[in-house]
Amino acid sequence: MGIQDIIEGKKQWRAHTARVKALPADYRIVYKEMQKYLFKVGPVDLPDGPLLPGIVDFFEEGVAAGKGVLELIGSDVAAFCDGLIQDTRTYADVYQESISAQPGTADK
């Protein structure tokens, strides 16, 4: 990863956070809770993947349609997030694979 990639990544992240800040307060609160949850359960491709921008797109569409955030996702934020990542490889999966490996055969 070169310096240009780092700079471009920072630009994209700043643009993403600006979109989040433009959401109504209730959407921002739910987004931040979702983000915390997703960083904990950790889809492996979360930082570079399409999940977080996709959530912002979904929320922007909800705002445009005049819907409340809980109308879109329901009252259980964690269950909604789990549904989003159900077929995604997570850090928990990586950990389970690492402890399930035979002793002495760990990847190097």
N, C-alpha and C. Protein backbone atom coordinates (compact mmCIF):
# COMPACT_ATOMS: atom_id res chain seq x y z
N MET A 1 0.86 -1.18 0.00
CA MET A 1 0.00 0.00 0.00
C MET A 1 0.90 1.23 0.00
N GLY A 2 0.75 2.02 -1.02
CA GLY A 2 1.56 3.21 -1.14
C GLY A 2 0.91 4.41 -0.46
N ILE A 3 1.65 5.50 -0.45
CA ILE A 3 1.17 6.73 0.19
C ILE A 3 -0.08 7.26 -0.52
N GLN A 4 -0.12 7.10 -1.84
CA GLN A 4 -1.29 7.56 -2.59
C GLN A 4 -2.54 6.79 -2.18
N ASP A 5 -2.39 5.49 -1.93
CA ASP A 5 -3.53 4.68 -1.49
C ASP A 5 -4.03 5.15 -0.13
N ILE A 6 -3.12 5.48 0.74
CA ILE A 6 -3.49 5.97 2.08
C ILE A 6 -4.22 7.30 1.97
N ILE A 7 -3.70 8.19 1.16
CA ILE A 7 -4.33 9.50 0.97
C ILE A 7 -5.72 9.34 0.38
N GLU A 8 -5.84 8.48 -0.63
CA GLU A 8 -7.15 8.26 -1.26
C GLU A 8 -8.14 7.63 -0.27
N GLY A 9 -7.65 6.72 0.55
CA GLY A 9 -8.49 6.11 1.56
C GLY A 9 -9.01 7.13 2.57
N LYS A 10 -8.14 8.05 2.97
CA LYS A 10 -8.56 9.10 3.90
C LYS A 10 -9.59 10.02 3.26
N LYS A 11 -9.41 10.34 2.00
CA LYS A 11 -10.39 11.19 1.31
C LYS A 11 -11.75 10.51 1.26
N GLN A 12 -11.73 9.22 0.94
CA GLN A 12 -13.00 8.48 0.87
C GLN A 12 -13.66 8.41 2.24
N TRP A 13 -12.87 8.18 3.29
CA TRP A 13 -13.44 8.10 4.64
C TRP A 13 -14.02 9.44 5.06
N ARG A 14 -13.33 10.53 4.76
CA ARG A 14 -13.85 11.86 5.10
C ARG A 14 -15.15 12.16 4.36
N ALA A 15 -15.22 11.78 3.10
CA ALA A 15 -16.46 11.97 2.34
C ALA A 15 -17.58 11.12 2.94
N HIS A 16 -17.24 9.93 3.37
CA HIS A 16 -18.23 9.05 4.00
C HIS A 16 -18.74 9.66 5.30
N THR A 17 -17.85 10.14 6.14
CA THR A 17 -18.28 10.73 7.42
C THR A 17 -19.08 12.00 7.19
N ALA A 18 -18.78 12.74 6.14
CA ALA A 18 -19.56 13.94 5.82
C ALA A 18 -20.99 13.55 5.45
N ARG A 19 -21.15 12.45 4.73
CA ARG A 19 -22.50 11.97 4.40
C ARG A 19 -23.25 11.56 5.66
N VAL A 20 -22.55 10.92 6.59
CA VAL A 20 -23.19 10.50 7.84
C VAL A 20 -23.63 11.73 8.64
N LYS A 21 -22.77 12.75 8.70
CA LYS A 21 -23.10 13.97 9.45
C LYS A 21 -24.29 14.71 8.85
N ALA A 22 -24.54 14.50 7.57
CA ALA A 22 -25.67 15.17 6.91
C ALA A 22 -27.00 14.48 7.20
N LEU A 23 -26.97 13.29 7.77
CA LEU A 23 -28.21 12.57 8.10
C LEU A 23 -28.89 13.23 9.29
N PRO A 24 -30.22 13.06 9.43
CA PRO A 24 -30.91 13.55 10.63
C PRO A 24 -30.35 12.87 11.89
N ALA A 25 -30.57 13.49 13.02
CA ALA A 25 -29.96 13.02 14.28
C ALA A 25 -30.29 11.58 14.61
N ASP A 26 -31.55 11.16 14.45
CA ASP A 26 -31.89 9.78 14.81
C ASP A 26 -31.18 8.77 13.91
N TYR A 27 -31.03 9.10 12.65
CA TYR A 27 -30.29 8.23 11.73
C TYR A 27 -28.81 8.17 12.12
N ARG A 28 -28.24 9.32 12.47
CA ARG A 28 -26.83 9.34 12.88
C ARG A 28 -26.58 8.48 14.10
N ILE A 29 -27.48 8.58 15.08
CA ILE A 29 -27.32 7.80 16.30
C ILE A 29 -27.35 6.30 15.99
N VAL A 30 -28.32 5.89 15.20
CA VAL A 30 -28.43 4.47 14.85
C VAL A 30 -27.24 4.04 14.01
N TYR A 31 -26.80 4.88 13.07
CA TYR A 31 -25.63 4.53 12.25
C TYR A 31 -24.41 4.31 13.14
N LYS A 32 -24.19 5.20 14.09
CA LYS A 32 -23.01 5.06 14.95
C LYS A 32 -23.08 3.80 15.79
N GLU A 33 -24.27 3.44 16.27
CA GLU A 33 -24.44 2.19 17.01
C GLU A 33 -24.17 0.98 16.11
N MET A 34 -24.66 1.06 14.88
CA MET A 34 -24.41 -0.02 13.93
C MET A 34 -22.92 -0.14 13.63
N GLN A 35 -22.28 0.99 13.45
CA GLN A 35 -20.85 1.00 13.16
C GLN A 35 -20.06 0.39 14.32
N LYS A 36 -20.39 0.76 15.56
CA LYS A 36 -19.71 0.18 16.72
C LYS A 36 -19.90 -1.33 16.76
N TYR A 37 -21.14 -1.75 16.55
CA TYR A 37 -21.44 -3.18 16.59
C TYR A 37 -20.67 -3.92 15.50
N LEU A 38 -20.68 -3.37 14.29
CA LEU A 38 -20.01 -4.04 13.18
C LEU A 38 -18.50 -4.08 13.36
N PHE A 39 -17.92 -3.04 13.97
CA PHE A 39 -16.48 -3.08 14.22
C PHE A 39 -16.15 -4.11 15.30
N LYS A 40 -17.08 -4.41 16.19
CA LYS A 40 -16.85 -5.43 17.21
C LYS A 40 -16.96 -6.84 16.64
N VAL A 41 -18.03 -7.12 15.90
CA VAL A 41 -18.20 -8.46 15.36
C VAL A 41 -17.36 -8.67 14.11
N GLY A 42 -17.00 -7.59 13.48
CA GLY A 42 -15.97 -7.53 12.49
C GLY A 42 -16.04 -8.34 11.23
N PRO A 43 -16.86 -7.95 10.26
CA PRO A 43 -16.65 -8.52 8.93
C PRO A 43 -15.23 -8.17 8.49
N VAL A 44 -14.53 -9.13 7.94
CA VAL A 44 -13.13 -8.94 7.61
C VAL A 44 -12.93 -7.77 6.65
N ASP A 45 -13.85 -7.58 5.72
CA ASP A 45 -13.69 -6.52 4.72
C ASP A 45 -14.42 -5.22 5.08
N LEU A 46 -14.76 -5.03 6.35
CA LEU A 46 -15.54 -3.86 6.74
C LEU A 46 -14.87 -2.53 6.39
N PRO A 47 -13.60 -2.31 6.72
CA PRO A 47 -13.03 -0.98 6.43
C PRO A 47 -12.99 -0.63 4.94
N ASP A 48 -12.78 -1.62 4.09
CA ASP A 48 -12.64 -1.34 2.66
C ASP A 48 -13.83 -1.79 1.84
N GLY A 49 -14.77 -2.47 2.47
CA GLY A 49 -15.88 -3.05 1.74
C GLY A 49 -17.04 -2.08 1.53
N PRO A 50 -18.07 -2.56 0.89
CA PRO A 50 -19.21 -1.71 0.54
C PRO A 50 -20.29 -1.61 1.62
N LEU A 51 -20.10 -2.28 2.76
CA LEU A 51 -21.18 -2.36 3.75
C LEU A 51 -21.53 -1.00 4.35
N LEU A 52 -20.56 -0.28 4.90
CA LEU A 52 -20.86 1.00 5.54
C LEU A 52 -21.41 2.03 4.55
N PRO A 53 -20.79 2.21 3.38
CA PRO A 53 -21.41 3.13 2.40
C PRO A 53 -22.80 2.69 1.96
N GLY A 54 -23.02 1.38 1.90
CA GLY A 54 -24.33 0.87 1.53
C GLY A 54 -25.38 1.21 2.57
N ILE A 55 -24.99 1.17 3.85
CA ILE A 55 -25.91 1.55 4.93
C ILE A 55 -26.28 3.02 4.80
N VAL A 56 -25.28 3.86 4.52
CA VAL A 56 -25.56 5.30 4.36
C VAL A 56 -26.48 5.53 3.16
N ASP A 57 -26.24 4.83 2.06
CA ASP A 57 -27.15 4.93 0.91
C ASP A 57 -28.58 4.57 1.31
N PHE A 58 -28.73 3.46 2.03
CA PHE A 58 -30.03 2.99 2.49
C PHE A 58 -30.70 4.03 3.38
N PHE A 59 -29.93 4.61 4.29
CA PHE A 59 -30.47 5.63 5.18
C PHE A 59 -30.86 6.89 4.43
N GLU A 60 -30.06 7.31 3.46
CA GLU A 60 -30.40 8.49 2.67
C GLU A 60 -31.70 8.28 1.90
N GLU A 61 -31.90 7.07 1.40
CA GLU A 61 -33.16 6.76 0.72
C GLU A 61 -34.33 6.82 1.69
N GLY A 62 -34.11 6.33 2.92
CA GLY A 62 -35.16 6.39 3.95
C GLY A 62 -35.53 7.81 4.31
N VAL A 63 -34.52 8.66 4.42
CA VAL A 63 -34.75 10.08 4.72
C VAL A 63 -35.56 10.71 3.59
N ALA A 64 -35.16 10.42 2.35
CA ALA A 64 -35.86 10.99 1.19
C ALA A 64 -37.31 10.52 1.12
N ALA A 65 -37.56 9.30 1.61
CA ALA A 65 -38.93 8.77 1.60
C ALA A 65 -39.73 9.24 2.81
N GLY A 66 -39.09 9.96 3.71
CA GLY A 66 -39.77 10.48 4.89
C GLY A 66 -40.03 9.44 5.97
N LYS A 67 -39.24 8.38 5.99
CA LYS A 67 -39.43 7.33 6.98
C LYS A 67 -38.49 7.52 8.17
N GLY A 68 -38.92 7.06 9.32
CA GLY A 68 -38.07 7.06 10.49
C GLY A 68 -37.09 5.90 10.40
N VAL A 69 -35.97 6.04 11.07
CA VAL A 69 -34.93 5.02 10.97
C VAL A 69 -35.40 3.66 11.49
N LEU A 70 -36.22 3.65 12.53
CA LEU A 70 -36.69 2.37 13.07
C LEU A 70 -37.72 1.72 12.16
N GLU A 71 -38.37 2.50 11.31
CA GLU A 71 -39.26 1.92 10.30
C GLU A 71 -38.46 1.11 9.29
N LEU A 72 -37.23 1.55 9.04
CA LEU A 72 -36.38 0.88 8.06
C LEU A 72 -35.74 -0.38 8.61
N ILE A 73 -35.21 -0.30 9.83
CA ILE A 73 -34.40 -1.42 10.33
C ILE A 73 -35.06 -2.22 11.44
N GLY A 74 -36.12 -1.70 12.03
CA GLY A 74 -36.75 -2.38 13.16
C GLY A 74 -36.12 -1.90 14.47
N SER A 75 -36.58 -2.47 15.57
CA SER A 75 -36.12 -1.98 16.87
C SER A 75 -34.86 -2.67 17.37
N ASP A 76 -34.44 -3.78 16.74
CA ASP A 76 -33.25 -4.50 17.17
C ASP A 76 -32.11 -4.25 16.18
N VAL A 77 -31.27 -3.30 16.54
CA VAL A 77 -30.17 -2.89 15.65
C VAL A 77 -29.21 -4.04 15.43
N ALA A 78 -28.88 -4.78 16.49
CA ALA A 78 -27.92 -5.88 16.37
C ALA A 78 -28.45 -6.97 15.44
N ALA A 79 -29.72 -7.29 15.54
CA ALA A 79 -30.31 -8.31 14.66
C ALA A 79 -30.26 -7.86 13.21
N PHE A 80 -30.52 -6.58 12.97
CA PHE A 80 -30.44 -6.04 11.61
C PHE A 80 -29.02 -6.18 11.08
N CYS A 81 -28.04 -5.81 11.90
CA CYS A 81 -26.63 -5.92 11.49
C CYS A 81 -26.25 -7.37 11.23
N ASP A 82 -26.70 -8.27 12.11
CA ASP A 82 -26.40 -9.69 11.91
C ASP A 82 -26.96 -10.18 10.59
N GLY A 83 -28.13 -9.70 10.21
CA GLY A 83 -28.71 -10.06 8.92
C GLY A 83 -27.88 -9.56 7.76
N LEU A 84 -27.27 -8.40 7.93
CA LEU A 84 -26.44 -7.84 6.86
C LEU A 84 -25.17 -8.65 6.64
N ILE A 85 -24.64 -9.22 7.72
CA ILE A 85 -23.34 -9.90 7.62
C ILE A 85 -23.45 -11.42 7.73
N GLN A 86 -24.63 -11.97 7.64
CA GLN A 86 -24.81 -13.40 7.87
C GLN A 86 -23.99 -14.28 6.94
N ASP A 87 -23.74 -13.86 5.73
CA ASP A 87 -22.97 -14.67 4.79
C ASP A 87 -21.57 -14.10 4.56
N THR A 88 -21.10 -13.31 5.51
CA THR A 88 -19.81 -12.64 5.39
C THR A 88 -18.83 -13.26 6.38
N ARG A 89 -17.60 -13.39 5.96
CA ARG A 89 -16.56 -13.91 6.85
C ARG A 89 -16.20 -12.84 7.88
N THR A 90 -16.22 -13.23 9.16
CA THR A 90 -15.95 -12.29 10.24
C THR A 90 -14.66 -12.67 10.95
N TYR A 91 -14.20 -11.75 11.80
CA TYR A 91 -13.01 -12.04 12.59
C TYR A 91 -13.26 -13.20 13.55
N ALA A 92 -14.50 -13.38 13.99
CA ALA A 92 -14.83 -14.53 14.83
C ALA A 92 -14.60 -15.83 14.05
N ASP A 93 -14.95 -15.84 12.77
CA ASP A 93 -14.69 -17.01 11.93
C ASP A 93 -13.19 -17.28 11.81
N VAL A 94 -12.43 -16.23 11.60
CA VAL A 94 -10.98 -16.36 11.48
C VAL A 94 -10.41 -16.93 12.78
N TYR A 95 -10.90 -16.43 13.90
CA TYR A 95 -10.43 -16.90 15.20
C TYR A 95 -10.78 -18.38 15.39
N GLN A 96 -12.01 -18.75 15.08
CA GLN A 96 -12.42 -20.15 15.21
C GLN A 96 -11.56 -21.06 14.34
N GLU A 97 -11.25 -20.61 13.14
CA GLU A 97 -10.40 -21.40 12.25
C GLU A 97 -9.00 -21.55 12.84
N SER A 98 -8.50 -20.48 13.46
CA SER A 98 -7.14 -20.54 14.00
C SER A 98 -7.05 -21.47 15.20
N ILE A 99 -8.08 -21.54 16.03
CA ILE A 99 -8.00 -22.43 17.19
C ILE A 99 -8.41 -23.86 16.83
N SER A 100 -9.06 -24.03 15.70
CA SER A 100 -9.45 -25.36 15.26
C SER A 100 -8.32 -26.07 14.50
N ALA A 101 -7.35 -25.31 14.07
CA ALA A 101 -6.25 -25.88 13.30
C ALA A 101 -5.44 -26.83 14.18
N GLN A 102 -4.86 -27.82 13.55
CA GLN A 102 -4.03 -28.76 14.29
C GLN A 102 -2.80 -28.03 14.84
N PRO A 103 -2.35 -28.39 16.03
CA PRO A 103 -1.14 -27.78 16.59
C PRO A 103 0.04 -27.99 15.66
N GLY A 104 0.80 -26.94 15.45
CA GLY A 104 1.98 -27.01 14.60
C GLY A 104 1.70 -26.83 13.13
N THR A 105 0.42 -26.64 12.75
CA THR A 105 0.11 -26.47 11.32
C THR A 105 -0.43 -25.07 11.05
N ALA A 106 -0.20 -24.14 11.95
CA ALA A 106 -0.70 -22.78 11.76
C ALA A 106 -0.07 -22.15 10.53
N ASP A 107 -0.87 -21.32 9.85
CA ASP A 107 -0.36 -20.61 8.68
C ASP A 107 0.70 -19.62 9.11
N LYS A 108 1.70 -19.50 8.27
CA LYS A 108 2.78 -18.56 8.59
C LYS A 108 2.82 -17.46 7.58
